[in-house]
Amino acid sequence: MRGLTAVVLNNVAGATAVEYGLVTLLMAVGCFALLLDTGKSSANTFAKIDTTLSGEAPPVGRTPALGSAPQGAPEPEPEPEPEPERMPLPTWGGAPAPP
């Protein structure tokens, strides 16, 4: 029994695989934390841009949708469509076109 225990304790062939597994796990946790922080930062950046463009602070605890009108602001009236240019009526053989 003493010989088997000595062989198991002295066998380090599996240690490399365990070390690689732990390093991989550490890298995965680091990447996950980095992605979460980056997502929060970009969401805050877009909220600041939207606030700056709309000219009004968003309600506390909620970020307004991009392109939405500020709360309490009147809706802008749509601009009237320009009148289309009228093309001259064709003539047949120099005579004016019939009505």
PDB file of N, CA and C in Angstrom:
ATOM      1  N   MET A   1       0.824  -1.186   0.000  1.00  0.00           N
ATOM      2  CA  MET A   1       0.000   0.000   0.000  1.00  0.00           C
ATOM      3  C   MET A   1       0.870   1.251   0.000  1.00  0.00           C
ATOM      4  N   ARG A   2       1.942   1.166   0.737  1.00  0.00           N
ATOM      5  CA  ARG A   2       2.832   2.308   0.806  1.00  0.00           C
ATOM      6  C   ARG A   2       3.409   2.607  -0.560  1.00  0.00           C
ATOM      7  N   GLY A   3       3.675   1.617  -1.357  1.00  0.00           N
ATOM      8  CA  GLY A   3       4.212   1.814  -2.694  1.00  0.00           C
ATOM      9  C   GLY A   3       3.199   2.494  -3.615  1.00  0.00           C
ATOM     10  N   LEU A   4       1.909   2.123  -3.504  1.00  0.00           N
ATOM     11  CA  LEU A   4       0.861   2.731  -4.328  1.00  0.00           C
ATOM     12  C   LEU A   4       0.670   4.201  -3.954  1.00  0.00           C
ATOM     13  N   THR A   5       0.707   4.502  -2.676  1.00  0.00           N
ATOM     14  CA  THR A   5       0.561   5.880  -2.226  1.00  0.00           C
ATOM     15  C   THR A   5       1.725   6.727  -2.723  1.00  0.00           C
ATOM     16  N   ALA A   6       2.897   6.192  -2.686  1.00  0.00           N
ATOM     17  CA  ALA A   6       4.072   6.922  -3.163  1.00  0.00           C
ATOM     18  C   ALA A   6       3.967   7.173  -4.660  1.00  0.00           C
ATOM     19  N   VAL A   7       3.494   6.185  -5.403  1.00  0.00           N
ATOM     20  CA  VAL A   7       3.351   6.352  -6.847  1.00  0.00           C
ATOM     21  C   VAL A   7       2.311   7.432  -7.153  1.00  0.00           C
ATOM     22  N   VAL A   8       1.167   7.449  -6.470  1.00  0.00           N
ATOM     23  CA  VAL A   8       0.110   8.429  -6.721  1.00  0.00           C
ATOM     24  C   VAL A   8       0.579   9.832  -6.347  1.00  0.00           C
ATOM     25  N   LEU A   9       1.262   9.974  -5.228  1.00  0.00           N
ATOM     26  CA  LEU A   9       1.715  11.285  -4.791  1.00  0.00           C
ATOM     27  C   LEU A   9       2.847  11.825  -5.663  1.00  0.00           C
ATOM     28  N   ASN A  10       3.646  10.958  -6.192  1.00  0.00           N
ATOM     29  CA  ASN A  10       4.759  11.401  -7.032  1.00  0.00           C
ATOM     30  C   ASN A  10       4.373  11.565  -8.499  1.00  0.00           C
ATOM     31  N   ASN A  11       3.202  11.106  -8.896  1.00  0.00           N
ATOM     32  CA  ASN A  11       2.770  11.214 -10.292  1.00  0.00           C
ATOM     33  C   ASN A  11       2.218  12.621 -10.524  1.00  0.00           C
ATOM     34  N   VAL A  12       2.908  13.417 -11.331  1.00  0.00           N
ATOM     35  CA  VAL A  12       2.499  14.783 -11.590  1.00  0.00           C
ATOM     36  C   VAL A  12       2.041  14.971 -13.037  1.00  0.00           C
ATOM     37  N   ALA A  13       1.767  13.897 -13.741  1.00  0.00           N
ATOM     38  CA  ALA A  13       1.385  14.008 -15.146  1.00  0.00           C
ATOM     39  C   ALA A  13       0.051  14.729 -15.301  1.00  0.00           C
ATOM     40  N   GLY A  14      -0.875  14.577 -14.395  1.00  0.00           N
ATOM     41  CA  GLY A  14      -2.174  15.228 -14.504  1.00  0.00           C
ATOM     42  C   GLY A  14      -2.173  16.660 -14.008  1.00  0.00           C
ATOM     43  N   ALA A  15      -1.103  17.090 -13.363  1.00  0.00           N
ATOM     44  CA  ALA A  15      -1.054  18.446 -12.818  1.00  0.00           C
ATOM     45  C   ALA A  15      -1.066  19.487 -13.925  1.00  0.00           C
ATOM     46  N   THR A  16      -0.433  19.215 -15.043  1.00  0.00           N
ATOM     47  CA  THR A  16      -0.395  20.179 -16.140  1.00  0.00           C
ATOM     48  C   THR A  16      -1.791  20.436 -16.691  1.00  0.00           C
ATOM     49  N   ALA A  17      -2.575  19.390 -16.839  1.00  0.00           N
ATOM     50  CA  ALA A  17      -3.931  19.555 -17.350  1.00  0.00           C
ATOM     51  C   ALA A  17      -4.779  20.365 -16.377  1.00  0.00           C
ATOM     52  N   VAL A  18      -4.617  20.127 -15.093  1.00  0.00           N
ATOM     53  CA  VAL A  18      -5.370  20.879 -14.093  1.00  0.00           C
ATOM     54  C   VAL A  18      -4.942  22.347 -14.123  1.00  0.00           C
ATOM     55  N   GLU A  19      -3.660  22.597 -14.254  1.00  0.00           N
ATOM     56  CA  GLU A  19      -3.186  23.974 -14.319  1.00  0.00           C
ATOM     57  C   GLU A  19      -3.731  24.694 -15.545  1.00  0.00           C
ATOM     58  N   TYR A  20      -3.725  24.021 -16.692  1.00  0.00           N
ATOM     59  CA  TYR A  20      -4.290  24.632 -17.901  1.00  0.00           C
ATOM     60  C   TYR A  20      -5.774  24.919 -17.723  1.00  0.00           C
ATOM     61  N   GLY A  21      -6.483  24.028 -17.073  1.00  0.00           N
ATOM     62  CA  GLY A  21      -7.901  24.243 -16.812  1.00  0.00           C
ATOM     63  C   GLY A  21      -8.137  25.451 -15.930  1.00  0.00           C
ATOM     64  N   LEU A  22      -7.321  25.595 -14.886  1.00  0.00           N
ATOM     65  CA  LEU A  22      -7.469  26.744 -13.990  1.00  0.00           C
ATOM     66  C   LEU A  22      -7.128  28.059 -14.692  1.00  0.00           C
ATOM     67  N   VAL A  23      -6.097  28.054 -15.526  1.00  0.00           N
ATOM     68  CA  VAL A  23      -5.738  29.260 -16.271  1.00  0.00           C
ATOM     69  C   VAL A  23      -6.855  29.630 -17.238  1.00  0.00           C
ATOM     70  N   THR A  24      -7.428  28.644 -17.910  1.00  0.00           N
ATOM     71  CA  THR A  24      -8.538  28.896 -18.838  1.00  0.00           C
ATOM     72  C   THR A  24      -9.746  29.469 -18.094  1.00  0.00           C
ATOM     73  N   LEU A  25     -10.037  28.910 -16.926  1.00  0.00           N
ATOM     74  CA  LEU A  25     -11.156  29.410 -16.124  1.00  0.00           C
ATOM     75  C   LEU A  25     -10.912  30.856 -15.703  1.00  0.00           C
ATOM     76  N   LEU A  26      -9.701  31.159 -15.284  1.00  0.00           N
ATOM     77  CA  LEU A  26      -9.363  32.529 -14.885  1.00  0.00           C
ATOM     78  C   LEU A  26      -9.510  33.495 -16.053  1.00  0.00           C
ATOM     79  N   MET A  27      -9.082  33.082 -17.239  1.00  0.00           N
ATOM     80  CA  MET A  27      -9.224  33.946 -18.419  1.00  0.00           C
ATOM     81  C   MET A  27     -10.692  34.148 -18.769  1.00  0.00           C
ATOM     82  N   ALA A  28     -11.505  33.108 -18.654  1.00  0.00           N
ATOM     83  CA  ALA A  28     -12.931  33.231 -18.963  1.00  0.00           C
ATOM     84  C   ALA A  28     -13.615  34.187 -17.998  1.00  0.00           C
ATOM     85  N   VAL A  29     -13.294  34.108 -16.716  1.00  0.00           N
ATOM     86  CA  VAL A  29     -13.891  35.005 -15.722  1.00  0.00           C
ATOM     87  C   VAL A  29     -13.465  36.445 -16.001  1.00  0.00           C
ATOM     88  N   GLY A  30     -12.201  36.644 -16.358  1.00  0.00           N
ATOM     89  CA  GLY A  30     -11.715  37.987 -16.684  1.00  0.00           C
ATOM     90  C   GLY A  30     -12.417  38.564 -17.899  1.00  0.00           C
ATOM     91  N   CYS A  31     -12.583  37.743 -18.941  1.00  0.00           N
ATOM     92  CA  CYS A  31     -13.282  38.211 -20.155  1.00  0.00           C
ATOM     93  C   CYS A  31     -14.730  38.560 -19.852  1.00  0.00           C
ATOM     94  N   PHE A  32     -15.385  37.744 -19.038  1.00  0.00           N
ATOM     95  CA  PHE A  32     -16.780  37.986 -18.684  1.00  0.00           C
ATOM     96  C   PHE A  32     -16.911  39.319 -17.945  1.00  0.00           C
ATOM     97  N   ALA A  33     -16.030  39.577 -16.986  1.00  0.00           N
ATOM     98  CA  ALA A  33     -16.068  40.833 -16.239  1.00  0.00           C
ATOM     99  C   ALA A  33     -15.795  42.021 -17.154  1.00  0.00           C
ATOM    100  N   LEU A  34     -14.855  41.860 -18.069  1.00  0.00           N
ATOM    101  CA  LEU A  34     -14.527  42.940 -19.000  1.00  0.00           C
ATOM    102  C   LEU A  34     -15.708  43.260 -19.920  1.00  0.00           C
ATOM    103  N   LEU A  35     -16.376  42.229 -20.419  1.00  0.00           N
ATOM    104  CA  LEU A  35     -17.523  42.453 -21.303  1.00  0.00           C
ATOM    105  C   LEU A  35     -18.681  43.117 -20.557  1.00  0.00           C
ATOM    106  N   LEU A  36     -18.922  42.721 -19.329  1.00  0.00           N
ATOM    107  CA  LEU A  36     -19.988  43.360 -18.558  1.00  0.00           C
ATOM    108  C   LEU A  36     -19.695  44.834 -18.339  1.00  0.00           C
ATOM    109  N   ASP A  37     -18.456  45.147 -17.987  1.00  0.00           N
ATOM    110  CA  ASP A  37     -18.091  46.541 -17.745  1.00  0.00           C
ATOM    111  C   ASP A  37     -18.167  47.355 -19.028  1.00  0.00           C
ATOM    112  N   THR A  38     -17.735  46.775 -20.137  1.00  0.00           N
ATOM    113  CA  THR A  38     -17.788  47.481 -21.423  1.00  0.00           C
ATOM    114  C   THR A  38     -19.232  47.747 -21.832  1.00  0.00           C
ATOM    115  N   GLY A  39     -20.115  46.794 -21.612  1.00  0.00           N
ATOM    116  CA  GLY A  39     -21.526  46.980 -21.951  1.00  0.00           C
ATOM    117  C   GLY A  39     -22.163  48.109 -21.163  1.00  0.00           C
ATOM    118  N   LYS A  40     -21.852  48.179 -19.877  1.00  0.00           N
ATOM    119  CA  LYS A  40     -22.402  49.257 -19.046  1.00  0.00           C
ATOM    120  C   LYS A  40     -21.845  50.609 -19.486  1.00  0.00           C
ATOM    121  N   SER A  41     -20.562  50.646 -19.809  1.00  0.00           N
ATOM    122  CA  SER A  41     -19.950  51.904 -20.238  1.00  0.00           C
ATOM    123  C   SER A  41     -20.562  52.396 -21.541  1.00  0.00           C
ATOM    124  N   SER A  42     -20.757  51.491 -22.500  1.00  0.00           N
ATOM    125  CA  SER A  42     -21.311  51.926 -23.780  1.00  0.00           C
ATOM    126  C   SER A  42     -22.771  52.347 -23.624  1.00  0.00           C
ATOM    127  N   ALA A  43     -23.530  51.684 -22.765  1.00  0.00           N
ATOM    128  CA  ALA A  43     -24.922  52.094 -22.535  1.00  0.00           C
ATOM    129  C   ALA A  43     -24.967  53.492 -21.923  1.00  0.00           C
ATOM    130  N   ASN A  44     -24.062  53.769 -20.982  1.00  0.00           N
ATOM    131  CA  ASN A  44     -24.012  55.109 -20.385  1.00  0.00           C
ATOM    132  C   ASN A  44     -23.600  56.151 -21.418  1.00  0.00           C
ATOM    133  N   THR A  45     -22.668  55.796 -22.295  1.00  0.00           N
ATOM    134  CA  THR A  45     -22.225  56.735 -23.323  1.00  0.00           C
ATOM    135  C   THR A  45     -23.369  57.076 -24.268  1.00  0.00           C
ATOM    136  N   PHE A  46     -24.118  56.075 -24.718  1.00  0.00           N
ATOM    137  CA  PHE A  46     -25.240  56.329 -25.620  1.00  0.00           C
ATOM    138  C   PHE A  46     -26.340  57.125 -24.919  1.00  0.00           C
ATOM    139  N   ALA A  47     -26.550  56.894 -23.631  1.00  0.00           N
ATOM    140  CA  ALA A  47     -27.550  57.663 -22.893  1.00  0.00           C
ATOM    141  C   ALA A  47     -27.135  59.132 -22.801  1.00  0.00           C
ATOM    142  N   LYS A  48     -25.832  59.389 -22.589  1.00  0.00           N
ATOM    143  CA  LYS A  48     -25.349  60.774 -22.539  1.00  0.00           C
ATOM    144  C   LYS A  48     -25.514  61.459 -23.892  1.00  0.00           C
ATOM    145  N   ILE A  49     -25.226  60.745 -24.966  1.00  0.00           N
ATOM    146  CA  ILE A  49     -25.379  61.320 -26.304  1.00  0.00           C
ATOM    147  C   ILE A  49     -26.839  61.646 -26.568  1.00  0.00           C
ATOM    148  N   ASP A  50     -27.728  60.734 -26.210  1.00  0.00           N
ATOM    149  CA  ASP A  50     -29.156  60.957 -26.430  1.00  0.00           C
ATOM    150  C   ASP A  50     -29.641  62.152 -25.614  1.00  0.00           C
ATOM    151  N   THR A  51     -29.182  62.264 -24.376  1.00  0.00           N
ATOM    152  CA  THR A  51     -29.575  63.380 -23.529  1.00  0.00           C
ATOM    153  C   THR A  51     -29.087  64.696 -24.122  1.00  0.00           C
ATOM    154  N   THR A  52     -27.856  64.693 -24.610  1.00  0.00           N
ATOM    155  CA  THR A  52     -27.296  65.910 -25.192  1.00  0.00           C
ATOM    156  C   THR A  52     -28.063  66.316 -26.443  1.00  0.00           C
ATOM    157  N   LEU A  53     -28.397  65.360 -27.278  1.00  0.00           N
ATOM    158  CA  LEU A  53     -29.107  65.679 -28.520  1.00  0.00           C
ATOM    159  C   LEU A  53     -30.539  66.109 -28.258  1.00  0.00           C
ATOM    160  N   SER A  54     -31.194  65.524 -27.265  1.00  0.00           N
ATOM    161  CA  SER A  54     -32.589  65.873 -27.001  1.00  0.00           C
ATOM    162  C   SER A  54     -32.717  67.152 -26.189  1.00  0.00           C
ATOM    163  N   GLY A  55     -31.671  67.523 -25.460  1.00  0.00           N
ATOM    164  CA  GLY A  55     -31.702  68.764 -24.707  1.00  0.00           C
ATOM    165  C   GLY A  55     -32.409  68.661 -23.382  1.00  0.00           C
ATOM    166  N   GLU A  56     -32.755  67.480 -22.944  1.00  0.00           N
ATOM    167  CA  GLU A  56     -33.447  67.315 -21.678  1.00  0.00           C
ATOM    168  C   GLU A  56     -32.901  66.096 -20.970  1.00  0.00           C
ATOM    169  N   ALA A  57     -32.801  66.175 -19.657  1.00  0.00           N
ATOM    170  CA  ALA A  57     -32.289  65.048 -18.879  1.00  0.00           C
ATOM    171  C   ALA A  57     -33.328  63.929 -18.868  1.00  0.00           C
ATOM    172  N   PRO A  58     -32.888  62.671 -18.946  1.00  0.00           N
ATOM    173  CA  PRO A  58     -33.846  61.569 -18.893  1.00  0.00           C
ATOM    174  C   PRO A  58     -34.421  61.415 -17.495  1.00  0.00           C
ATOM    175  N   PRO A  59     -35.582  60.800 -17.357  1.00  0.00           N
ATOM    176  CA  PRO A  59     -36.141  60.561 -16.028  1.00  0.00           C
ATOM    177  C   PRO A  59     -35.189  59.684 -15.217  1.00  0.00           C
ATOM    178  N   VAL A  60     -35.232  59.836 -13.916  1.00  0.00           N
ATOM    179  CA  VAL A  60     -34.341  59.079 -13.050  1.00  0.00           C
ATOM    180  C   VAL A  60     -34.667  57.592 -13.166  1.00  0.00           C
ATOM    181  N   GLY A  61     -33.634  56.782 -13.385  1.00  0.00           N
ATOM    182  CA  GLY A  61     -33.814  55.333 -13.432  1.00  0.00           C
ATOM    183  C   GLY A  61     -34.258  54.805 -14.776  1.00  0.00           C
ATOM    184  N   ARG A  62     -34.414  55.655 -15.772  1.00  0.00           N
ATOM    185  CA  ARG A  62     -34.865  55.174 -17.076  1.00  0.00           C
ATOM    186  C   ARG A  62     -34.163  55.977 -18.160  1.00  0.00           C
ATOM    187  N   THR A  63     -33.687  55.279 -19.165  1.00  0.00           N
ATOM    188  CA  THR A  63     -33.049  55.928 -20.299  1.00  0.00           C
ATOM    189  C   THR A  63     -34.054  55.973 -21.438  1.00  0.00           C
ATOM    190  N   PRO A  64     -34.355  57.157 -22.000  1.00  0.00           N
ATOM    191  CA  PRO A  64     -35.329  57.213 -23.093  1.00  0.00           C
ATOM    192  C   PRO A  64     -34.792  56.527 -24.336  1.00  0.00           C
ATOM    193  N   ALA A  65     -35.706  56.054 -25.153  1.00  0.00           N
ATOM    194  CA  ALA A  65     -35.322  55.403 -26.401  1.00  0.00           C
ATOM    195  C   ALA A  65     -34.694  56.419 -27.334  1.00  0.00           C
ATOM    196  N   LEU A  66     -33.756  55.949 -28.134  1.00  0.00           N
ATOM    197  CA  LEU A  66     -33.114  56.838 -29.091  1.00  0.00           C
ATOM    198  C   LEU A  66     -34.143  57.354 -30.082  1.00  0.00           C
ATOM    199  N   GLY A  67     -34.103  58.634 -30.366  1.00  0.00           N
ATOM    200  CA  GLY A  67     -34.998  59.220 -31.343  1.00  0.00           C
ATOM    201  C   GLY A  67     -36.351  59.612 -30.780  1.00  0.00           C
ATOM    202  N   SER A  68     -36.599  59.332 -29.498  1.00  0.00           N
ATOM    203  CA  SER A  68     -37.899  59.688 -28.939  1.00  0.00           C
ATOM    204  C   SER A  68     -37.901  61.155 -28.533  1.00  0.00           C
ATOM    205  N   ALA A  69     -39.063  61.754 -28.561  1.00  0.00           N
ATOM    206  CA  ALA A  69     -39.199  63.158 -28.180  1.00  0.00           C
ATOM    207  C   ALA A  69     -39.093  63.270 -26.669  1.00  0.00           C
ATOM    208  N   PRO A  70     -38.505  64.345 -26.161  1.00  0.00           N
ATOM    209  CA  PRO A  70     -38.432  64.531 -24.707  1.00  0.00           C
ATOM    210  C   PRO A  70     -39.835  64.599 -24.123  1.00  0.00           C
ATOM    211  N   GLN A  71     -39.978  64.137 -22.882  1.00  0.00           N
ATOM    212  CA  GLN A  71     -41.289  64.144 -22.245  1.00  0.00           C
ATOM    213  C   GLN A  71     -41.735  65.575 -21.986  1.00  0.00           C
ATOM    214  N   GLY A  72     -42.991  65.870 -22.287  1.00  0.00           N
ATOM    215  CA  GLY A  72     -43.542  67.189 -22.061  1.00  0.00           C
ATOM    216  C   GLY A  72     -43.291  68.162 -23.200  1.00  0.00           C
ATOM    217  N   ALA A  73     -42.475  67.778 -24.161  1.00  0.00           N
ATOM    218  CA  ALA A  73     -42.192  68.672 -25.284  1.00  0.00           C
ATOM    219  C   ALA A  73     -43.281  68.488 -26.336  1.00  0.00           C
ATOM    220  N   PRO A  74     -43.722  69.595 -26.956  1.00  0.00           N
ATOM    221  CA  PRO A  74     -44.749  69.443 -27.997  1.00  0.00           C
ATOM    222  C   PRO A  74     -44.158  68.761 -29.231  1.00  0.00           C
ATOM    223  N   GLU A  75     -45.001  68.019 -29.882  1.00  0.00           N
ATOM    224  CA  GLU A  75     -44.573  67.351 -31.110  1.00  0.00           C
ATOM    225  C   GLU A  75     -44.352  68.402 -32.193  1.00  0.00           C
ATOM    226  N   PRO A  76     -43.255  68.319 -32.908  1.00  0.00           N
ATOM    227  CA  PRO A  76     -43.037  69.306 -33.974  1.00  0.00           C
ATOM    228  C   PRO A  76     -44.030  69.095 -35.113  1.00  0.00           C
ATOM    229  N   GLU A  77     -44.481  70.210 -35.682  1.00  0.00           N
ATOM    230  CA  GLU A  77     -45.418  70.113 -36.799  1.00  0.00           C
ATOM    231  C   GLU A  77     -44.653  69.690 -38.045  1.00  0.00           C
ATOM    232  N   PRO A  78     -45.234  68.791 -38.816  1.00  0.00           N
ATOM    233  CA  PRO A  78     -44.531  68.370 -40.028  1.00  0.00           C
ATOM    234  C   PRO A  78     -44.489  69.510 -41.043  1.00  0.00           C
ATOM    235  N   GLU A  79     -43.394  69.560 -41.767  1.00  0.00           N
ATOM    236  CA  GLU A  79     -43.258  70.602 -42.779  1.00  0.00           C
ATOM    237  C   GLU A  79     -44.173  70.272 -43.953  1.00  0.00           C
ATOM    238  N   PRO A  80     -44.805  71.305 -44.532  1.00  0.00           N
ATOM    239  CA  PRO A  80     -45.674  71.017 -45.685  1.00  0.00           C
ATOM    240  C   PRO A  80     -44.825  70.543 -46.868  1.00  0.00           C
ATOM    241  N   GLU A  81     -45.402  69.635 -47.601  1.00  0.00           N
ATOM    242  CA  GLU A  81     -44.687  69.120 -48.770  1.00  0.00           C
ATOM    243  C   GLU A  81     -44.661  70.185 -49.861  1.00  0.00           C
ATOM    244  N   PRO A  82     -43.536  70.345 -50.510  1.00  0.00           N
ATOM    245  CA  PRO A  82     -43.479  71.357 -51.581  1.00  0.00           C
ATOM    246  C   PRO A  82     -44.360  70.932 -52.756  1.00  0.00           C
ATOM    247  N   GLU A  83     -44.898  71.917 -53.415  1.00  0.00           N
ATOM    248  CA  GLU A  83     -45.759  71.647 -54.572  1.00  0.00           C
ATOM    249  C   GLU A  83     -44.884  71.112 -55.710  1.00  0.00           C
ATOM    250  N   PRO A  84     -45.306  70.037 -56.356  1.00  0.00           N
ATOM    251  CA  PRO A  84     -44.483  69.493 -57.431  1.00  0.00           C
ATOM    252  C   PRO A  84     -44.430  70.460 -58.622  1.00  0.00           C
ATOM    253  N   GLU A  85     -43.306  70.448 -59.273  1.00  0.00           N
ATOM    254  CA  GLU A  85     -43.167  71.307 -60.452  1.00  0.00           C
ATOM    255  C   GLU A  85     -44.042  70.743 -61.567  1.00  0.00           C
ATOM    256  N   ARG A  86     -44.716  71.662 -62.258  1.00  0.00           N
ATOM    257  CA  ARG A  86     -45.579  71.217 -63.351  1.00  0.00           C
ATOM    258  C   ARG A  86     -44.774  71.198 -64.641  1.00  0.00           C
ATOM    259  N   MET A  87     -44.911  70.103 -65.337  1.00  0.00           N
ATOM    260  CA  MET A  87     -44.218  69.976 -66.619  1.00  0.00           C
ATOM    261  C   MET A  87     -45.102  70.566 -67.710  1.00  0.00           C
ATOM    262  N   PRO A  88     -44.516  71.167 -68.719  1.00  0.00           N
ATOM    263  CA  PRO A  88     -45.337  71.690 -69.810  1.00  0.00           C
ATOM    264  C   PRO A  88     -46.004  70.544 -70.566  1.00  0.00           C
ATOM    265  N   LEU A  89     -47.206  70.814 -71.036  1.00  0.00           N
ATOM    266  CA  LEU A  89     -47.935  69.795 -71.790  1.00  0.00           C
ATOM    267  C   LEU A  89     -47.294  69.638 -73.179  1.00  0.00           C
ATOM    268  N   PRO A  90     -47.293  68.422 -73.667  1.00  0.00           N
ATOM    269  CA  PRO A  90     -46.708  68.231 -75.001  1.00  0.00           C
ATOM    270  C   PRO A  90     -47.598  68.836 -76.088  1.00  0.00           C
ATOM    271  N   THR A  91     -47.006  69.188 -77.173  1.00  0.00           N
ATOM    272  CA  THR A  91     -47.754  69.712 -78.317  1.00  0.00           C
ATOM    273  C   THR A  91     -47.614  68.746 -79.484  1.00  0.00           C
ATOM    274  N   TRP A  92     -48.666  68.723 -80.318  1.00  0.00           N
ATOM    275  CA  TRP A  92     -48.652  67.856 -81.492  1.00  0.00           C
ATOM    276  C   TRP A  92     -48.536  68.723 -82.731  1.00  0.00           C
ATOM    277  N   GLY A  93     -47.411  68.660 -83.358  1.00  0.00           N
ATOM    278  CA  GLY A  93     -47.218  69.385 -84.594  1.00  0.00           C
ATOM    279  C   GLY A  93     -47.299  70.889 -84.449  1.00  0.00           C
ATOM    280  N   GLY A  94     -46.890  71.411 -83.315  1.00  0.00           N
ATOM    281  CA  GLY A  94     -46.872  72.848 -83.130  1.00  0.00           C
ATOM    282  C   GLY A  94     -48.188  73.393 -82.595  1.00  0.00           C
ATOM    283  N   ALA A  95     -49.263  72.612 -82.643  1.00  0.00           N
ATOM    284  CA  ALA A  95     -50.556  73.086 -82.125  1.00  0.00           C
ATOM    285  C   ALA A  95     -50.604  72.815 -80.625  1.00  0.00           C
ATOM    286  N   PRO A  96     -51.301  73.652 -79.887  1.00  0.00           N
ATOM    287  CA  PRO A  96     -51.415  73.409 -78.452  1.00  0.00           C
ATOM    288  C   PRO A  96     -52.166  72.113 -78.173  1.00  0.00           C
ATOM    289  N   ALA A  97     -51.849  71.497 -77.060  1.00  0.00           N
ATOM    290  CA  ALA A  97     -52.486  70.222 -76.694  1.00  0.00           C
ATOM    291  C   ALA A  97     -53.936  70.458 -76.326  1.00  0.00           C
ATOM    292  N   PRO A  98     -54.787  69.485 -76.614  1.00  0.00           N
ATOM    293  CA  PRO A  98     -56.200  69.631 -76.232  1.00  0.00           C
ATOM    294  C   PRO A  98     -56.344  69.616 -74.711  1.00  0.00           C
ATOM    295  N   PRO A  99     -57.375  70.251 -74.200  1.00  0.00           N
ATOM    296  CA  PRO A  99     -57.551  70.325 -72.742  1.00  0.00           C
ATOM    297  C   PRO A  99     -57.869  68.993 -72.118  1.00  0.00           C
TER     298      PRO A  99
END
